[in-house]
Amino acid sequence: MPRLARLLTLLLVLVLAPAAAQAIPVGPTLLGGAVITLEHDAQSDGQVIHFGRFLGPTARFGFEVGDFWTSEFSVQFTRSEGVVSSSLASTRASLLTLAGGYQLTLDLLKKKSPVSPYLGVGVLAGDAMMVMDTTALGMSSAQQANVFYLEFHAVVGLRVNLPFGLGLRAEVAASTYGGFYGLMPSVGAAYSW
């Protein structure tokens, strides 16, 4: 079993065992939405490279524990596309990310309330792959780049609790990663037992 998988398994056991003993709500989450990365300028090979707005879908699957302070452990996938330009030319680019994450939220009302707004913070760490035609921009680097990325975000959301442990969620996260800034509105469902 890979080292990361063993670490995640141990972490889940350490979180879920006390939660089950205290009857704290636990359960899976599934959210989908959009990722919007705002425009950004960067230096490369001595010239300014302008990254236009990148847009695309996102999906997140996780597991949450808690009723007032809620921890969510998740895996998130995003795919966005936009235009990258220099003084020489412009080209389309796509960005794919796959990351593991942790999010801690404060439920302003308990999850068992019919409607519960929440605020929180989170972190994602994973692999980002950008594909673009760098020769059109006059750059000498590769056309495909895989890099490790670390993203921090703040989130505001609303949970609508239905009978039998099912809940609907809507949230907006504002994030920063590698000098870029973005927004990620999402909607989805959670189930607690």
Protein backbone atom coordinates (compact mmCIF):
# COMPACT_ATOMS: atom_id res chain seq x y z
CA MET A 1 0.00 0.00 0.00
CA PRO A 2 1.54 3.36 -0.95
CA ARG A 3 2.69 5.59 1.88
CA LEU A 4 0.08 8.30 1.19
CA ALA A 5 -2.77 5.76 1.21
CA ARG A 6 -1.59 4.38 4.59
CA LEU A 7 -1.38 7.89 6.01
CA LEU A 8 -4.89 8.78 4.79
CA THR A 9 -6.29 5.51 6.19
CA LEU A 10 -4.73 6.18 9.59
CA LEU A 11 -6.02 9.76 9.57
CA LEU A 12 -9.57 8.60 8.76
CA VAL A 13 -9.49 6.01 11.56
CA LEU A 14 -8.24 8.60 14.06
CA VAL A 15 -11.02 11.01 13.07
CA LEU A 16 -13.89 8.54 12.62
CA ALA A 17 -13.41 6.42 15.76
CA PRO A 18 -14.02 9.27 18.24
CA ALA A 19 -16.82 10.64 16.04
CA ALA A 20 -18.65 7.32 16.03
CA ALA A 21 -18.24 6.97 19.80
CA GLN A 22 -19.77 10.41 20.38
CA ALA A 23 -22.50 10.09 17.70
CA ILE A 24 -21.10 13.06 15.75
CA PRO A 25 -22.53 13.21 12.21
CA VAL A 26 -20.21 11.66 9.62
CA GLY A 27 -20.73 10.91 5.96
CA PRO A 28 -19.75 11.39 2.31
CA THR A 29 -19.98 14.58 0.27
CA LEU A 30 -20.17 15.13 -3.48
CA LEU A 31 -19.98 18.61 -5.01
CA GLY A 32 -19.67 19.94 -8.53
CA GLY A 33 -19.32 23.43 -9.86
CA ALA A 34 -17.07 25.82 -11.71
CA VAL A 35 -13.57 27.18 -11.28
CA ILE A 36 -12.77 30.75 -12.33
CA THR A 37 -9.13 31.85 -12.24
CA LEU A 38 -8.68 35.60 -12.51
CA GLU A 39 -6.25 37.29 -14.94
CA HIS A 40 -2.58 37.28 -13.94
CA ASP A 41 0.76 38.48 -15.35
CA ALA A 42 4.00 36.51 -14.91
CA GLN A 43 7.61 36.76 -16.12
CA SER A 44 9.11 34.02 -18.30
CA ASP A 45 12.24 34.06 -20.46
CA GLY A 46 12.56 37.80 -19.85
CA GLN A 47 9.09 38.72 -21.09
CA VAL A 48 5.70 39.33 -19.54
CA ILE A 49 3.22 36.50 -20.05
CA HIS A 50 -0.45 37.40 -19.53
CA PHE A 51 -2.79 34.64 -18.35
CA GLY A 52 -6.36 35.56 -19.20
CA ARG A 53 -9.35 34.36 -17.20
CA PHE A 54 -9.48 30.55 -17.04
CA LEU A 55 -12.91 28.87 -16.74
CA GLY A 56 -14.00 25.27 -16.35
CA PRO A 57 -15.73 22.55 -14.32
CA THR A 58 -14.73 21.15 -10.94
CA ALA A 59 -15.77 18.05 -9.00
CA ARG A 60 -15.06 17.15 -5.37
CA PHE A 61 -15.67 13.93 -3.46
CA GLY A 62 -15.04 13.85 0.25
CA PHE A 63 -15.93 12.67 3.70
CA GLU A 64 -16.95 15.02 6.51
CA VAL A 65 -17.04 14.69 10.28
CA GLY A 66 -18.61 17.07 12.79
CA ASP A 67 -21.68 19.05 13.74
CA PHE A 68 -20.45 22.50 14.75
CA TRP A 69 -16.81 22.39 13.66
CA THR A 70 -16.86 20.19 10.56
CA SER A 71 -13.78 18.61 8.97
CA GLU A 72 -13.94 17.53 5.33
CA PHE A 73 -11.28 15.37 3.70
CA SER A 74 -11.60 15.36 -0.08
CA VAL A 75 -10.25 14.70 -3.54
CA GLN A 76 -10.84 17.44 -6.12
CA PHE A 77 -10.50 17.57 -9.90
CA THR A 78 -10.61 20.74 -12.01
CA ARG A 79 -10.22 21.46 -15.70
CA SER A 80 -10.10 25.00 -16.99
CA GLU A 81 -9.19 26.72 -20.26
CA GLY A 82 -8.14 30.22 -21.19
CA VAL A 83 -5.86 32.36 -23.31
CA VAL A 84 -2.19 32.98 -22.57
CA SER A 85 -0.49 35.83 -24.42
CA SER A 86 2.81 37.66 -24.75
CA SER A 87 3.93 40.63 -26.84
CA LEU A 88 4.54 38.13 -29.69
CA ALA A 89 1.30 36.14 -29.87
CA SER A 90 -1.45 34.42 -27.94
CA THR A 91 -2.46 30.78 -27.58
CA ARG A 92 -5.16 28.70 -25.86
CA ALA A 93 -4.12 26.75 -22.79
CA SER A 94 -5.74 24.16 -20.57
CA LEU A 95 -5.05 23.48 -16.91
CA LEU A 96 -5.87 20.18 -15.20
CA THR A 97 -5.55 19.66 -11.45
CA LEU A 98 -5.96 16.67 -9.17
CA ALA A 99 -5.55 17.34 -5.47
CA GLY A 100 -6.26 16.07 -1.99
CA GLY A 101 -7.68 18.54 0.47
CA TYR A 102 -8.81 19.40 3.94
CA GLN A 103 -11.47 21.97 4.82
CA LEU A 104 -12.53 23.09 8.30
CA THR A 105 -15.86 24.89 8.56
CA LEU A 106 -17.81 26.44 11.39
CA ASP A 107 -21.53 25.71 11.13
CA LEU A 108 -23.27 28.86 12.39
CA LEU A 109 -26.22 26.63 13.36
CA LYS A 110 -26.01 22.90 14.03
CA LYS A 111 -26.18 20.58 11.01
CA LYS A 112 -29.44 19.20 12.34
CA SER A 113 -31.08 22.62 11.84
CA PRO A 114 -33.22 22.88 8.68
CA VAL A 115 -30.88 25.52 7.25
CA SER A 116 -27.29 26.02 8.41
CA PRO A 117 -24.90 28.63 6.98
CA TYR A 118 -21.17 28.00 7.41
CA LEU A 119 -17.76 29.69 7.06
CA GLY A 120 -14.39 28.03 6.76
CA VAL A 121 -10.87 27.68 5.46
CA GLY A 122 -9.12 24.93 3.55
CA VAL A 123 -6.05 23.73 1.74
CA LEU A 124 -5.52 21.61 -1.39
CA ALA A 125 -2.25 19.99 -2.48
CA GLY A 126 -1.76 18.13 -5.71
CA ASP A 127 -0.62 18.01 -9.29
CA ALA A 128 -1.32 20.69 -11.89
CA MET A 129 -0.71 20.12 -15.60
CA MET A 130 -0.77 23.01 -18.06
CA VAL A 131 -0.80 22.35 -21.80
CA MET A 132 -0.14 25.19 -24.27
CA ASP A 133 1.83 26.02 -27.42
CA THR A 134 4.77 27.86 -25.85
CA THR A 135 6.61 28.30 -29.17
CA ALA A 136 3.84 30.66 -30.34
CA LEU A 137 4.65 32.84 -27.31
CA GLY A 138 8.40 32.89 -28.02
CA MET A 139 9.18 30.79 -24.93
CA SER A 140 11.76 28.02 -24.87
CA SER A 141 10.14 25.89 -22.17
CA ALA A 142 8.15 22.69 -22.72
CA GLN A 143 4.59 22.70 -24.08
CA GLN A 144 3.35 20.58 -21.18
CA ALA A 145 4.32 21.25 -17.58
CA ASN A 146 3.42 19.21 -14.50
CA VAL A 147 3.94 20.99 -11.21
CA PHE A 148 3.04 20.47 -7.57
CA TYR A 149 0.66 23.15 -6.38
CA LEU A 150 -0.60 24.27 -3.00
CA GLU A 151 -3.86 26.23 -2.78
CA PHE A 152 -5.39 27.97 0.24
CA HIS A 153 -9.01 29.09 0.32
CA ALA A 154 -11.73 30.70 2.40
CA VAL A 155 -15.28 29.44 1.97
CA VAL A 156 -18.81 30.60 2.72
CA GLY A 157 -21.73 28.23 2.25
CA LEU A 158 -25.26 27.15 3.08
CA ARG A 159 -26.46 23.68 4.02
CA VAL A 160 -30.15 22.71 3.69
CA ASN A 161 -30.85 19.60 5.75
CA LEU A 162 -33.47 17.15 4.53
CA PRO A 163 -34.86 14.12 6.40
CA PHE A 164 -32.87 10.90 6.82
CA GLY A 165 -29.46 12.61 7.00
CA LEU A 166 -29.41 14.01 3.46
CA GLY A 167 -28.25 17.59 3.02
CA LEU A 168 -27.87 19.92 0.05
CA ARG A 169 -24.91 22.31 0.00
CA ALA A 170 -24.05 25.46 -1.92
CA GLU A 171 -20.76 27.25 -1.36
CA VAL A 172 -18.30 29.73 -2.83
CA ALA A 173 -14.56 29.48 -2.18
CA ALA A 174 -12.05 32.27 -2.83
CA SER A 175 -8.56 30.87 -3.33
CA THR A 176 -4.93 31.70 -4.01
CA TYR A 177 -2.24 29.47 -5.54
CA GLY A 178 1.15 30.41 -6.99
CA GLY A 179 0.30 34.09 -7.39
CA PHE A 180 -3.05 33.30 -9.05
CA TYR A 181 -6.44 34.07 -7.50
CA GLY A 182 -9.74 32.39 -8.20
CA LEU A 183 -13.33 31.67 -7.25
CA MET A 184 -15.01 28.30 -7.07
CA PRO A 185 -18.82 28.20 -6.72
CA SER A 186 -20.10 24.66 -6.04
CA VAL A 187 -23.33 22.82 -5.30
CA GLY A 188 -23.80 19.28 -4.15
CA ALA A 189 -25.06 16.86 -1.56
CA ALA A 190 -23.88 15.43 1.74
CA TYR A 191 -25.15 12.50 3.76
CA SER A 192 -24.67 12.15 7.52
CA TRP A 193 -25.41 9.22 9.78
